[in-house]
Amino acid sequence: MMSRIAILAVMMLAASGPGWAQTSSVTQSDPVIDAIFDEIEKRVIEEYFEGQRAKAGDDDDSSQGQGKKRRKAKGRKQGWVQGIPPGHLPPPGLCRAWLPDTPPGHQPPPGPCAEVKLGMPADARLVYGGSKGRGDALPAGLGEPMPPDLIDELPLPYPDTERLLVDDDIYLVRLGTRVILDVIEGVLKEE
């Protein structure tokens, strides 16, 4: 009797087709392709940099008095980005060496970031024109790691990705290729 049950069970499994032991045919997409900053990351990052600005403001107030803060806010120029006047930022995907004490119209022309970085003077600042969007590659040499105390507050990043500070923005890029997966814009910008 027991052997008949075993034979019956084997026959039923065989009749159900070859896929009976296979897992579901539903495939998951590559999580890195769909990687974006989630709401928790955005909130933690924004709160961190708001706190940094508040600390800097407190330091100004305590060491220089209230007048300096008012002058600083008044001295900001409308439409300037990264300390550069409108119309002088490099186009998306390109960089420009910004020379201190040089009028905007006399700055070197924009070009490929690697070339600009190699040929720029030591006192110049590398200005990135921004990306064209998700899927573009962030040029090599651009971006700084996030502050360690901020990294400790954030959830673990997606595998094979890193978060980088570039000018006023935070980029989520794929390691190795530096393909831009997501951007939080203007996080470091003073209001």
Protein backbone atom coordinates (compact mmCIF):
# COMPACT_ATOMS: atom_id res chain seq x y z
CA MET A 1 0.00 0.00 0.00
CA MET A 2 2.79 2.43 0.92
CA SER A 3 4.59 1.85 -2.37
CA ARG A 4 1.38 2.59 -4.31
CA ILE A 5 1.03 5.97 -2.55
CA ALA A 6 4.66 6.84 -3.30
CA ILE A 7 4.24 5.87 -6.96
CA LEU A 8 1.03 7.92 -7.15
CA ALA A 9 2.77 10.96 -5.65
CA VAL A 10 5.63 10.73 -8.15
CA MET A 11 3.17 10.40 -11.03
CA MET A 12 1.21 13.47 -9.88
CA LEU A 13 4.35 15.55 -9.62
CA ALA A 14 5.49 14.44 -13.06
CA ALA A 15 2.08 15.23 -14.53
CA SER A 16 2.14 18.76 -13.17
CA GLY A 17 4.91 19.62 -15.63
CA PRO A 18 8.59 20.38 -15.45
CA GLY A 19 8.15 23.71 -13.67
CA TRP A 20 6.70 22.36 -10.44
CA ALA A 21 9.93 22.92 -8.53
CA GLN A 22 10.81 26.21 -10.18
CA THR A 23 10.36 29.53 -8.48
CA SER A 24 7.97 32.14 -9.73
CA SER A 25 8.54 33.46 -13.22
CA VAL A 26 8.18 37.06 -11.99
CA THR A 27 11.57 38.77 -12.21
CA GLN A 28 12.65 41.74 -10.22
CA SER A 29 14.27 44.73 -11.90
CA ASP A 30 17.79 45.78 -11.02
CA PRO A 31 17.31 47.85 -7.82
CA VAL A 32 20.14 50.19 -8.81
CA ILE A 33 18.38 51.19 -12.04
CA ASP A 34 15.34 52.21 -10.02
CA ALA A 35 17.42 53.80 -7.25
CA ILE A 36 16.26 57.17 -6.08
CA PHE A 37 16.62 59.11 -2.90
CA ASP A 38 13.74 58.06 -0.69
CA GLU A 39 11.80 60.52 1.44
CA ILE A 40 13.69 59.59 4.62
CA GLU A 41 17.06 60.29 2.96
CA LYS A 42 15.82 63.62 1.58
CA ARG A 43 14.49 64.68 4.98
CA VAL A 44 17.67 63.68 6.86
CA ILE A 45 19.93 65.39 4.30
CA GLU A 46 17.89 68.61 4.25
CA GLU A 47 17.68 68.75 8.06
CA TYR A 48 21.42 68.14 8.36
CA PHE A 49 22.37 71.01 6.05
CA GLU A 50 19.74 73.33 7.57
CA GLY A 51 21.40 72.62 10.91
CA GLN A 52 24.83 73.37 9.44
CA ARG A 53 23.59 76.71 8.08
CA ALA A 54 22.00 77.54 11.42
CA LYS A 55 25.29 76.77 13.21
CA ALA A 56 27.20 78.96 10.77
CA GLY A 57 24.67 81.75 11.35
CA ASP A 58 25.01 81.39 15.13
CA ASP A 59 28.79 81.59 14.82
CA ASP A 60 28.47 84.78 12.74
CA ASP A 61 26.03 86.29 15.23
CA SER A 62 28.14 85.50 18.29
CA SER A 63 31.48 86.57 16.86
CA GLN A 64 30.53 89.48 14.59
CA GLY A 65 27.23 90.73 15.93
CA GLN A 66 23.82 90.94 14.27
CA GLY A 67 24.86 93.47 11.63
CA LYS A 68 27.04 91.05 9.69
CA LYS A 69 24.19 88.61 9.16
CA ARG A 70 21.99 91.38 7.76
CA ARG A 71 24.78 92.64 5.47
CA LYS A 72 25.46 89.11 4.23
CA ALA A 73 21.80 88.54 3.36
CA LYS A 74 21.54 91.96 1.72
CA GLY A 75 24.76 91.39 -0.26
CA ARG A 76 23.49 88.25 -1.99
CA LYS A 77 22.88 88.78 -5.64
CA GLN A 78 19.63 87.73 -7.26
CA GLY A 79 19.92 84.86 -9.74
CA TRP A 80 23.51 83.96 -8.88
CA VAL A 81 24.24 80.22 -8.60
CA GLN A 82 27.36 78.88 -6.86
CA GLY A 83 28.57 82.50 -6.64
CA ILE A 84 28.40 82.88 -10.43
CA PRO A 85 26.21 85.46 -12.20
CA PRO A 86 23.42 84.39 -14.55
CA GLY A 87 24.61 83.41 -18.01
CA HIS A 88 28.10 82.42 -16.89
CA LEU A 89 27.50 78.88 -15.61
CA PRO A 90 28.86 76.26 -18.01
CA PRO A 91 26.30 74.27 -20.03
CA PRO A 92 25.06 70.96 -18.61
CA GLY A 93 27.77 68.31 -18.65
CA LEU A 94 30.64 70.81 -18.93
CA CYS A 95 32.86 72.61 -16.41
CA ARG A 96 34.54 75.98 -16.10
CA ALA A 97 37.52 77.10 -14.04
CA TRP A 98 36.31 80.13 -12.10
CA LEU A 99 39.16 82.49 -11.27
CA PRO A 100 38.93 84.65 -8.15
CA ASP A 101 39.19 88.41 -8.64
CA THR A 102 38.50 88.05 -12.38
CA PRO A 103 35.38 89.67 -13.89
CA PRO A 104 32.77 87.20 -15.23
CA GLY A 105 33.32 88.22 -18.85
CA HIS A 106 37.05 87.46 -18.58
CA GLN A 107 36.72 83.93 -17.17
CA PRO A 108 38.11 80.99 -19.18
CA PRO A 109 35.61 79.27 -21.47
CA PRO A 110 33.76 76.09 -20.40
CA GLY A 111 34.93 72.72 -21.61
CA PRO A 112 35.07 69.00 -20.78
CA CYS A 113 35.54 68.67 -17.02
CA ALA A 114 38.67 66.49 -17.17
CA GLU A 115 40.44 68.96 -19.48
CA VAL A 116 39.39 72.00 -17.48
CA LYS A 117 40.50 70.40 -14.21
CA LEU A 118 43.93 69.51 -15.62
CA GLY A 119 44.62 73.00 -16.95
CA MET A 120 43.20 75.19 -14.23
CA PRO A 121 45.32 77.32 -11.86
CA ALA A 122 45.61 76.25 -8.22
CA ASP A 123 43.49 79.16 -6.94
CA ALA A 124 40.63 78.52 -9.40
CA ARG A 125 37.41 76.78 -8.48
CA LEU A 126 35.97 74.02 -10.68
CA VAL A 127 32.33 74.81 -11.48
CA TYR A 128 30.13 72.05 -12.87
CA GLY A 129 27.34 73.06 -15.22
CA GLY A 130 25.10 70.32 -13.91
CA SER A 131 23.91 67.16 -15.52
CA LYS A 132 21.42 66.77 -18.28
CA GLY A 133 19.57 64.44 -15.94
CA ARG A 134 19.32 60.86 -14.78
CA GLY A 135 21.36 58.49 -16.87
CA ASP A 136 24.20 60.93 -17.61
CA ALA A 137 27.64 60.17 -16.21
CA LEU A 138 29.05 62.50 -13.57
CA PRO A 139 32.52 63.53 -14.78
CA ALA A 140 35.46 61.93 -13.01
CA GLY A 141 36.97 64.02 -10.24
CA LEU A 142 33.75 65.83 -9.43
CA GLY A 143 32.01 65.31 -6.16
CA GLU A 144 33.03 64.98 -2.56
CA PRO A 145 31.95 62.30 -0.11
CA MET A 146 29.18 63.09 2.32
CA PRO A 147 30.23 64.21 5.82
CA PRO A 148 30.77 61.14 8.07
CA ASP A 149 28.31 62.35 10.72
CA LEU A 150 25.62 62.67 8.02
CA ILE A 151 26.41 59.21 6.62
CA ASP A 152 25.85 57.78 10.11
CA GLU A 153 22.32 59.27 10.18
CA LEU A 154 21.30 57.97 6.73
CA PRO A 155 19.96 54.54 5.87
CA LEU A 156 22.40 52.31 4.00
CA PRO A 157 22.63 53.27 0.31
CA TYR A 158 21.58 50.94 -2.48
CA PRO A 159 24.29 48.40 -3.34
CA ASP A 160 26.88 49.67 -5.84
CA THR A 161 25.91 53.32 -5.34
CA GLU A 162 27.35 56.31 -3.54
CA ARG A 163 26.10 59.74 -2.55
CA LEU A 164 28.27 62.70 -3.57
CA LEU A 165 28.24 66.43 -2.89
CA VAL A 166 28.61 68.50 -6.08
CA ASP A 167 28.29 72.26 -5.70
CA ASP A 168 24.86 72.81 -4.07
CA ASP A 169 23.47 69.37 -4.96
CA ILE A 170 23.61 65.78 -3.72
CA TYR A 171 24.02 63.11 -6.41
CA LEU A 172 23.26 59.40 -6.15
CA VAL A 173 25.60 57.70 -8.62
CA ARG A 174 26.42 54.13 -9.61
CA LEU A 175 29.89 53.12 -8.47
CA GLY A 176 32.37 52.57 -11.27
CA THR A 177 30.37 54.18 -14.09
CA ARG A 178 29.29 57.29 -12.11
CA VAL A 179 25.95 57.21 -13.91
CA ILE A 180 23.59 59.65 -12.20
CA LEU A 181 20.62 57.87 -10.68
CA ASP A 182 19.07 60.78 -8.79
CA VAL A 183 19.79 64.35 -7.67
CA ILE A 184 18.61 66.44 -4.74
CA GLU A 185 19.09 69.97 -6.02
CA GLY A 186 19.94 73.07 -4.04
CA VAL A 187 20.44 71.37 -0.66
CA LEU A 188 23.56 73.36 0.15
CA LYS A 189 22.28 76.66 -1.22
CA GLU A 190 21.87 79.43 1.31
CA GLU A 191 18.40 80.89 1.33
